Amino acid sequence: MSGPPSGDALPLICDDPAALVRWAPVGPVLVVTIDHPPVNALSHAVRVGLMQAAELLDGHDALRAMVIRSTGTVFIGGADIREFSGPRRDPMLNAVCHRIEACTKPVVAAVQGAALGGGFEVALASHYRVAAPSAEVAFPEVLLGVLPGAGGTQRAPRLCGAALALELMLTGRRLAAPDALAAGLLDRLAEDPVADAVAWATALGASAAEPRRSRDGTALIPRVEHDLVVRETRDRVGREQAHLTAPAQIVACIDAALHLPFDDGSAVEAAAFMTCLASPQRAALVHLFFAERAVRASVAAGVDLEALGARLRTALPPGDPSWDDATCSAMAAIGASLIESGAATAAIDVDVASVRHAGFPRYRGGVLFDQDAR
């Protein structure tokens, strides 16, 4: 497979309104705009555009720095989840992020809204980060059964330490921009992050400053206290989440960030991501993610999810359910009858109701999905 075009073979201006990534110089600064509504997801075309922009920056002497920005209210909402179940298409996001960080001229991310998952990883791969005070950052991948797979498990702890990196990755919690700034994950706040980023990039380019790369962050030094945090977290995850794949893999990746050089830690992250991607839990959680979106139409049409849940709960034995085969089969049979009777319009109604209102384990995707997967 051929690589991206060299920088000097790319146009200095890409203003095609149909392009998901456009760019144009503002003085000596290449301003790159991601325009992929509604949340600027990192689809294949977006990844290609970002890779081309990095090549363009390094290939043109007239360009001294780059700003990555986006349209809308979300900086980048993460990966295109639909690609999880299809063939993997180069360039993958980890390669894009490594290429951005490898740029020989400064790259500034202008974060006007939420930077989630892969979007946060793009910001971390940039050399500097300016955010609006109302912006948020997060690693929600664990909620889909995976982990940050584009260098996030290696860059974030080098900037904010092991404890916060583990908490964000194991919970998916959103961190407000002022808190991210205090933690070292952002560099400055500005009401107009794009204007501030362009001005900063202009100054950085004029000073011929060497890019400051997250891979060289020193927040994990000295290692002793971070090592203790990792060990305690590993023990807790082993006790409380041994049935889940992603949390243990996340801890292993943070441990790699603590003890291995960046490139070796990135290799650990890549292998861990593939382990999660192949997990039945990932498939179940992604199914539920899309089901919870689609079920809104059923609710609007009059489906009562809470009532469905009450019917499904009649299959549960007294006490805490063990979710053994007999219990799951009994609940699935009730779910099928709810569809036949018209109380539910589709299997997704039953799956969402079983998780939200009948206690069915979320990581199994819903009772009918689970039954079909057996």
Protein backbone atom coordinates (compact mmCIF):
# COMPACT_ATOMS: atom_id res chain seq x y z
CA MET A 1 0.00 0.00 0.00
CA SER A 2 1.41 3.40 -0.96
CA GLY A 3 1.88 6.02 1.74
CA PRO A 4 0.40 9.51 1.83
CA PRO A 5 1.56 12.03 -0.77
CA SER A 6 4.69 13.94 0.14
CA GLY A 7 4.11 17.44 1.46
CA ASP A 8 5.39 19.19 -1.65
CA ALA A 9 2.92 17.21 -3.80
CA LEU A 10 -0.12 18.48 -1.87
CA PRO A 11 -1.93 21.76 -2.59
CA LEU A 12 -1.26 24.55 -0.12
CA ILE A 13 -4.99 25.26 0.02
CA CYS A 14 -7.74 22.63 0.22
CA ASP A 15 -11.07 24.47 0.22
CA ASP A 16 -13.37 21.87 -1.33
CA PRO A 17 -16.62 22.27 0.65
CA ALA A 18 -17.23 18.53 0.33
CA ALA A 19 -13.91 17.65 1.99
CA LEU A 20 -14.13 16.50 5.61
CA VAL A 21 -10.72 18.05 6.30
CA ARG A 22 -9.79 21.38 4.74
CA TRP A 23 -6.76 23.60 5.18
CA ALA A 24 -5.40 26.99 4.28
CA PRO A 25 -2.43 29.07 5.44
CA VAL A 26 -3.00 32.05 7.70
CA GLY A 27 0.33 33.76 7.32
CA PRO A 28 2.92 31.08 8.11
CA VAL A 29 0.40 28.91 10.00
CA LEU A 30 -1.46 26.07 8.31
CA VAL A 31 -4.98 26.09 9.76
CA VAL A 32 -6.56 22.65 9.39
CA THR A 33 -10.33 22.38 9.83
CA ILE A 34 -12.20 19.13 10.49
CA ASP A 35 -15.78 19.45 9.25
CA HIS A 36 -17.58 16.14 9.73
CA PRO A 37 -20.97 16.75 11.37
CA PRO A 38 -22.45 16.03 13.76
CA VAL A 39 -19.48 15.27 16.05
CA ASN A 40 -16.44 15.29 13.74
CA ALA A 41 -15.90 11.56 14.16
CA LEU A 42 -12.52 10.25 13.03
CA SER A 43 -13.67 8.40 9.94
CA HIS A 44 -11.24 7.12 7.33
CA ALA A 45 -11.51 10.32 5.28
CA VAL A 46 -10.77 12.45 8.34
CA ARG A 47 -7.73 10.35 9.21
CA VAL A 48 -6.43 10.65 5.65
CA GLY A 49 -6.91 14.42 5.76
CA LEU A 50 -5.03 14.81 9.03
CA MET A 51 -2.18 12.67 7.75
CA GLN A 52 -1.96 14.78 4.59
CA ALA A 53 -1.95 18.00 6.61
CA ALA A 54 0.99 16.75 8.69
CA GLU A 55 2.88 15.89 5.51
CA LEU A 56 2.08 19.31 4.07
CA LEU A 57 3.34 21.10 7.17
CA ASP A 58 6.71 19.40 7.10
CA GLY A 59 7.03 19.58 3.32
CA HIS A 60 6.62 23.35 2.79
CA ASP A 61 9.30 25.75 3.96
CA ALA A 62 6.83 28.64 4.01
CA LEU A 63 4.78 26.94 6.72
CA ARG A 64 6.12 27.38 10.23
CA ALA A 65 3.36 25.82 12.39
CA MET A 66 -0.07 24.19 12.24
CA VAL A 67 -3.38 24.56 14.08
CA ILE A 68 -5.93 21.74 14.20
CA ARG A 69 -9.47 22.97 14.74
CA SER A 70 -12.99 21.81 13.92
CA THR A 71 -16.45 23.12 13.16
CA GLY A 72 -19.52 22.80 15.38
CA THR A 73 -19.73 22.45 19.14
CA VAL A 74 -17.64 19.26 19.47
CA PHE A 75 -13.90 19.26 18.80
CA ILE A 76 -13.75 15.57 17.87
CA GLY A 77 -16.26 13.09 19.26
CA GLY A 78 -13.98 10.06 18.88
CA ALA A 79 -13.66 7.20 16.47
CA ASP A 80 -16.30 6.22 13.94
CA ILE A 81 -17.69 3.31 15.96
CA ARG A 82 -19.19 1.71 12.87
CA GLU A 83 -15.66 0.90 11.73
CA PHE A 84 -15.08 -1.36 14.75
CA SER A 85 -16.86 -4.26 13.07
CA GLY A 86 -15.53 -3.73 9.55
CA PRO A 87 -12.14 -4.07 7.87
CA ARG A 88 -9.43 -1.85 9.31
CA ARG A 89 -8.42 0.85 6.82
CA ASP A 90 -5.11 2.67 6.86
CA PRO A 91 -4.11 5.09 8.09
CA MET A 92 -5.21 3.93 11.51
CA LEU A 93 -5.63 6.58 14.17
CA ASN A 94 -2.53 5.56 16.11
CA ALA A 95 -0.43 6.15 12.97
CA VAL A 96 -2.09 9.53 12.44
CA CYS A 97 -1.41 10.61 16.03
CA HIS A 98 2.20 9.43 15.87
CA ARG A 99 2.63 11.39 12.61
CA ILE A 100 1.16 14.56 14.14
CA GLU A 101 3.46 14.30 17.13
CA ALA A 102 6.44 13.63 14.85
CA CYS A 103 5.93 16.91 12.96
CA THR A 104 9.12 18.96 13.02
CA LYS A 105 7.18 22.22 13.39
CA PRO A 106 4.78 23.16 16.21
CA VAL A 107 1.22 21.82 16.12
CA VAL A 108 -1.45 23.46 18.28
CA ALA A 109 -4.89 21.92 18.90
CA ALA A 110 -7.73 24.44 19.26
CA VAL A 111 -10.35 22.63 21.37
CA GLN A 112 -13.65 24.53 21.26
CA GLY A 113 -15.81 21.71 22.65
CA ALA A 114 -15.68 18.13 23.86
CA ALA A 115 -12.55 16.18 22.92
CA LEU A 116 -13.59 12.58 23.43
CA GLY A 117 -11.67 9.36 22.98
CA GLY A 118 -9.70 9.56 19.77
CA GLY A 119 -10.40 13.28 19.67
CA PHE A 120 -8.60 13.71 22.96
CA GLU A 121 -5.80 11.54 21.59
CA VAL A 122 -5.42 13.87 18.58
CA ALA A 123 -5.16 16.81 21.00
CA LEU A 124 -2.57 14.97 23.11
CA ALA A 125 -0.56 14.14 20.00
CA SER A 126 -0.46 17.86 19.16
CA HIS A 127 2.41 19.70 20.76
CA TYR A 128 0.25 22.33 22.47
CA ARG A 129 -3.42 22.51 23.48
CA VAL A 130 -5.70 25.55 23.81
CA ALA A 131 -9.29 24.97 24.95
CA ALA A 132 -12.42 26.96 25.58
CA PRO A 133 -13.25 27.17 29.32
CA SER A 134 -16.46 25.22 28.62
CA ALA A 135 -14.70 22.37 26.83
CA GLU A 136 -14.39 18.86 28.25
CA VAL A 137 -12.00 15.98 27.69
CA ALA A 138 -12.63 12.29 28.27
CA PHE A 139 -11.61 8.73 27.46
CA PRO A 140 -15.01 6.96 27.17
CA GLU A 141 -13.65 3.90 25.34
CA VAL A 142 -14.10 1.59 28.32
CA LEU A 143 -17.87 2.10 28.02
CA LEU A 144 -17.62 0.37 24.62
CA GLY A 145 -15.34 -2.40 25.84
CA VAL A 146 -12.11 -1.00 24.41
CA LEU A 147 -9.33 1.38 25.47
CA PRO A 148 -7.57 4.44 24.04
CA GLY A 149 -5.65 2.90 21.18
CA ALA A 150 -3.94 5.87 19.53
CA GLY A 151 -1.30 6.58 22.14
CA GLY A 152 -3.65 7.88 24.82
CA THR A 153 -2.57 5.34 27.44
CA GLN A 154 1.04 6.40 26.91
CA ARG A 155 0.74 10.18 26.47
CA ALA A 156 -1.86 11.03 29.12
CA PRO A 157 -0.04 9.54 32.14
CA ARG A 158 3.19 11.22 31.04
CA LEU A 159 1.33 14.54 31.36
CA CYS A 160 -0.99 14.04 34.36
CA GLY A 161 0.36 11.02 36.26
CA ALA A 162 -0.94 7.49 36.69
CA ALA A 163 -3.78 8.12 39.14
CA LEU A 164 -5.81 10.56 37.03
CA ALA A 165 -5.07 8.71 33.80
CA LEU A 166 -6.35 5.47 35.31
CA GLU A 167 -9.46 7.13 36.72
CA LEU A 168 -10.38 8.77 33.42
CA MET A 169 -9.81 5.62 31.39
CA LEU A 170 -11.52 3.22 33.80
CA THR A 171 -14.63 5.36 34.30
CA GLY A 172 -15.04 7.37 31.09
CA ARG A 173 -15.60 10.45 33.26
CA ARG A 174 -15.54 13.83 31.54
CA LEU A 175 -13.01 16.32 32.87
CA ALA A 176 -13.81 20.02 32.62
CA ALA A 177 -11.24 22.15 30.83
CA PRO A 178 -10.13 24.10 33.93
CA ASP A 179 -9.45 20.81 35.72
CA ALA A 180 -7.64 19.40 32.68
CA LEU A 181 -5.52 22.54 32.62
CA ALA A 182 -4.62 22.14 36.29
CA ALA A 183 -3.76 18.48 35.67
CA GLY A 184 -1.36 19.27 32.82
CA LEU A 185 -3.52 17.84 30.04
CA LEU A 186 -4.18 21.29 28.53
CA ASP A 187 -1.85 24.26 28.24
CA ARG A 188 -4.17 27.28 28.29
CA LEU A 189 -7.79 28.38 28.15
CA ALA A 190 -9.21 31.01 25.81
CA GLU A 191 -12.72 32.21 25.00
CA ASP A 192 -11.74 32.01 21.31
CA PRO A 193 -9.41 29.00 21.21
CA VAL A 194 -8.92 29.16 17.43
CA ALA A 195 -7.74 32.77 17.43
CA ASP A 196 -5.54 32.10 20.45
CA ALA A 197 -4.11 28.96 18.86
CA VAL A 198 -3.28 30.76 15.61
CA ALA A 199 -1.57 33.59 17.48
CA TRP A 200 0.38 31.14 19.64
CA ALA A 201 1.35 29.00 16.66
CA THR A 202 2.54 32.12 14.83
CA ALA A 203 4.75 33.07 17.77
CA LEU A 204 6.07 29.53 18.15
CA GLY A 205 6.91 29.33 14.47
CA ALA A 206 8.68 32.69 14.53
CA SER A 207 10.78 31.61 17.50
CA ALA A 208 11.82 28.39 15.75
CA ALA A 209 10.90 26.59 18.98
CA GLU A 210 11.36 22.84 19.05
CA PRO A 211 8.02 21.00 19.30
CA ARG A 212 7.18 19.89 22.83
CA ARG A 213 5.98 16.31 22.58
CA SER A 214 3.69 14.59 25.08
CA ARG A 215 5.76 11.41 24.78
CA ASP A 216 8.52 13.31 26.59
CA GLY A 217 6.31 14.34 29.52
CA THR A 218 7.77 13.76 32.98
CA ALA A 219 4.67 13.43 35.18
CA LEU A 220 5.50 9.77 35.92
CA ILE A 221 8.84 10.72 37.50
CA PRO A 222 9.66 9.71 40.18
CA ARG A 223 7.97 6.36 39.61
CA VAL A 224 7.53 5.08 43.17
CA GLU A 225 4.17 6.67 44.00
CA HIS A 226 2.78 5.97 40.53
CA ASP A 227 3.87 2.35 40.78
CA LEU A 228 1.91 2.03 44.02
CA VAL A 229 -1.19 3.51 42.37
CA VAL A 230 -0.93 1.05 39.48
CA ARG A 231 -0.52 -1.94 41.80
CA GLU A 232 -3.48 -0.91 43.97
CA THR A 233 -5.64 -0.32 40.90
CA ARG A 234 -4.66 -3.67 39.42
CA ASP A 235 -5.69 -5.41 42.65
CA ARG A 236 -9.02 -3.55 42.79
CA VAL A 237 -9.84 -4.26 39.15
CA GLY A 238 -8.98 -7.91 39.75
CA ARG A 239 -11.46 -8.05 42.64
CA GLU A 240 -14.28 -5.96 41.22
CA GLN A 241 -14.04 -6.23 37.43
CA ALA A 242 -12.41 -9.57 36.76
CA HIS A 243 -15.30 -10.42 34.41
CA LEU A 244 -14.44 -7.48 32.13
CA THR A 245 -11.69 -7.41 29.52
CA ALA A 246 -10.95 -3.71 29.00
CA PRO A 247 -10.20 -2.54 32.59
CA ALA A 248 -7.35 -4.99 33.16
CA GLN A 249 -5.92 -4.13 29.74
CA ILE A 250 -6.05 -0.42 30.59
CA VAL A 251 -4.11 -1.02 33.81
CA ALA A 252 -1.52 -3.02 31.89
CA CYS A 253 -1.08 -0.16 29.43
CA ILE A 254 -0.58 2.43 32.18
CA ASP A 255 1.93 0.08 33.80
CA ALA A 256 3.74 -0.06 30.44
CA ALA A 257 3.79 3.76 30.30
CA LEU A 258 5.40 3.75 33.72
CA HIS A 259 8.09 1.16 33.03
CA LEU A 260 8.76 1.09 29.28
CA PRO A 261 10.01 3.56 26.68
CA PHE A 262 7.23 5.26 24.72
CA ASP A 263 7.51 3.11 21.59
CA ASP A 264 7.52 -0.13 23.58
CA GLY A 265 4.56 1.05 25.63
CA SER A 266 2.73 1.92 22.42
CA ALA A 267 3.26 -1.65 21.22
CA VAL A 268 1.70 -2.92 24.46
CA GLU A 269 -1.24 -0.56 23.90
CA ALA A 270 -1.72 -1.75 20.31
CA ALA A 271 -1.83 -5.39 21.38
CA ALA A 272 -4.20 -4.60 24.25
CA PHE A 273 -6.52 -2.69 21.92
CA MET A 274 -6.72 -5.67 19.55
CA THR A 275 -7.48 -7.96 22.50
CA CYS A 276 -10.38 -5.71 23.47
CA LEU A 277 -11.55 -5.32 19.89
CA ALA A 278 -11.83 -9.11 19.54
CA SER A 279 -13.74 -9.45 22.82
CA PRO A 280 -17.44 -10.45 22.79
CA GLN A 281 -17.94 -7.70 25.38
CA ARG A 282 -16.89 -5.07 22.85
CA ALA A 283 -19.43 -6.40 20.34
CA ALA A 284 -22.15 -6.42 23.02
CA LEU A 285 -21.43 -2.90 24.26
CA VAL A 286 -21.28 -1.47 20.74
CA HIS A 287 -24.60 -3.18 19.97
CA LEU A 288 -26.12 -1.61 23.06
CA PHE A 289 -24.67 1.81 22.17
CA PHE A 290 -26.50 1.81 18.84
CA ALA A 291 -29.60 0.18 20.36
CA GLU A 292 -29.93 2.98 22.92
CA ARG A 293 -29.83 5.49 20.10
CA ALA A 294 -32.33 3.66 17.93
CA VAL A 295 -34.77 2.92 20.76
CA ARG A 296 -35.69 6.60 20.98
CA ALA A 297 -37.91 6.07 17.95
CA SER A 298 -39.71 3.22 19.72
CA VAL A 299 -40.24 5.35 22.82
CA ALA A 300 -41.61 8.17 20.66
CA ALA A 301 -44.02 5.65 19.13
CA GLY A 302 -45.33 4.68 22.58
CA VAL A 303 -43.16 1.76 23.71
CA ASP A 304 -42.90 1.80 27.52
CA LEU A 305 -39.41 0.56 28.36
CA GLU A 306 -40.05 0.61 32.08
CA ALA A 307 -43.12 -1.60 31.66
CA LEU A 308 -41.12 -3.96 29.49
CA GLY A 309 -38.51 -4.13 32.22
CA ALA A 310 -41.14 -5.01 34.80
CA ARG A 311 -42.33 -7.91 32.64
CA LEU A 312 -38.77 -9.11 32.10
CA ARG A 313 -38.06 -9.03 35.84
CA THR A 314 -40.70 -11.70 36.40
CA ALA A 315 -38.15 -14.20 35.05
CA LEU A 316 -35.72 -13.46 37.89
CA PRO A 317 -35.41 -15.87 40.83
CA PRO A 318 -35.57 -14.48 44.38
CA GLY A 319 -32.41 -12.72 45.56
CA ASP A 320 -29.56 -11.50 43.41
CA PRO A 321 -29.68 -13.19 40.00
CA SER A 322 -26.63 -15.17 38.95
CA TRP A 323 -27.56 -14.71 35.28
CA ASP A 324 -27.16 -18.40 34.62
CA ASP A 325 -28.37 -19.98 31.39
CA ALA A 326 -31.79 -20.85 32.79
CA THR A 327 -32.48 -17.32 34.02
CA CYS A 328 -31.28 -15.74 30.77
CA SER A 329 -33.30 -18.15 28.65
CA ALA A 330 -36.44 -17.47 30.68
CA MET A 331 -35.99 -13.72 30.32
CA ALA A 332 -35.29 -14.05 26.59
CA ALA A 333 -38.49 -16.05 26.17
CA ILE A 334 -40.47 -13.25 27.83
CA GLY A 335 -38.69 -10.75 25.58
CA ALA A 336 -39.71 -12.66 22.48
CA SER A 337 -43.32 -12.77 23.68
CA LEU A 338 -43.26 -8.99 24.21
CA ILE A 339 -42.33 -8.53 20.57
CA GLU A 340 -44.99 -10.97 19.41
CA SER A 341 -47.64 -9.15 21.42
CA GLY A 342 -46.63 -5.75 20.09
CA ALA A 343 -45.59 -4.37 23.47
CA ALA A 344 -42.09 -4.09 21.98
CA THR A 345 -41.53 -3.23 18.34
CA ALA A 346 -38.08 -4.77 17.95
CA ALA A 347 -35.40 -6.74 19.74
CA ILE A 348 -33.54 -3.55 20.61
CA ASP A 349 -36.49 -2.45 22.76
CA VAL A 350 -36.16 -5.61 24.82
CA ASP A 351 -32.37 -5.37 24.99
CA VAL A 352 -32.42 -1.79 26.25
CA ALA A 353 -35.26 -2.47 28.69
CA SER A 354 -33.47 -5.53 30.06
CA VAL A 355 -30.35 -3.46 30.84
CA ARG A 356 -32.02 -0.28 32.05
CA HIS A 357 -34.93 -1.72 33.96
CA ALA A 358 -34.31 -5.42 34.65
CA GLY A 359 -30.69 -5.43 35.79
CA PHE A 360 -29.31 -7.45 32.87
CA PRO A 361 -25.50 -7.04 32.66
CA ARG A 362 -24.68 -4.17 30.34
CA TYR A 363 -21.49 -5.78 29.09
CA ARG A 364 -23.60 -8.59 27.59
CA GLY A 365 -25.51 -6.21 25.33
CA GLY A 366 -29.08 -7.04 26.32
CA VAL A 367 -30.93 -10.30 26.86
CA LEU A 368 -31.88 -11.04 23.24
CA PHE A 369 -28.48 -10.05 21.88
CA ASP A 370 -26.89 -12.31 24.49
CA GLN A 371 -29.19 -15.19 23.58
CA ASP A 372 -28.36 -14.85 19.87
CA ALA A 373 -24.64 -14.71 20.63
CA ARG A 374 -24.63 -18.02 22.48
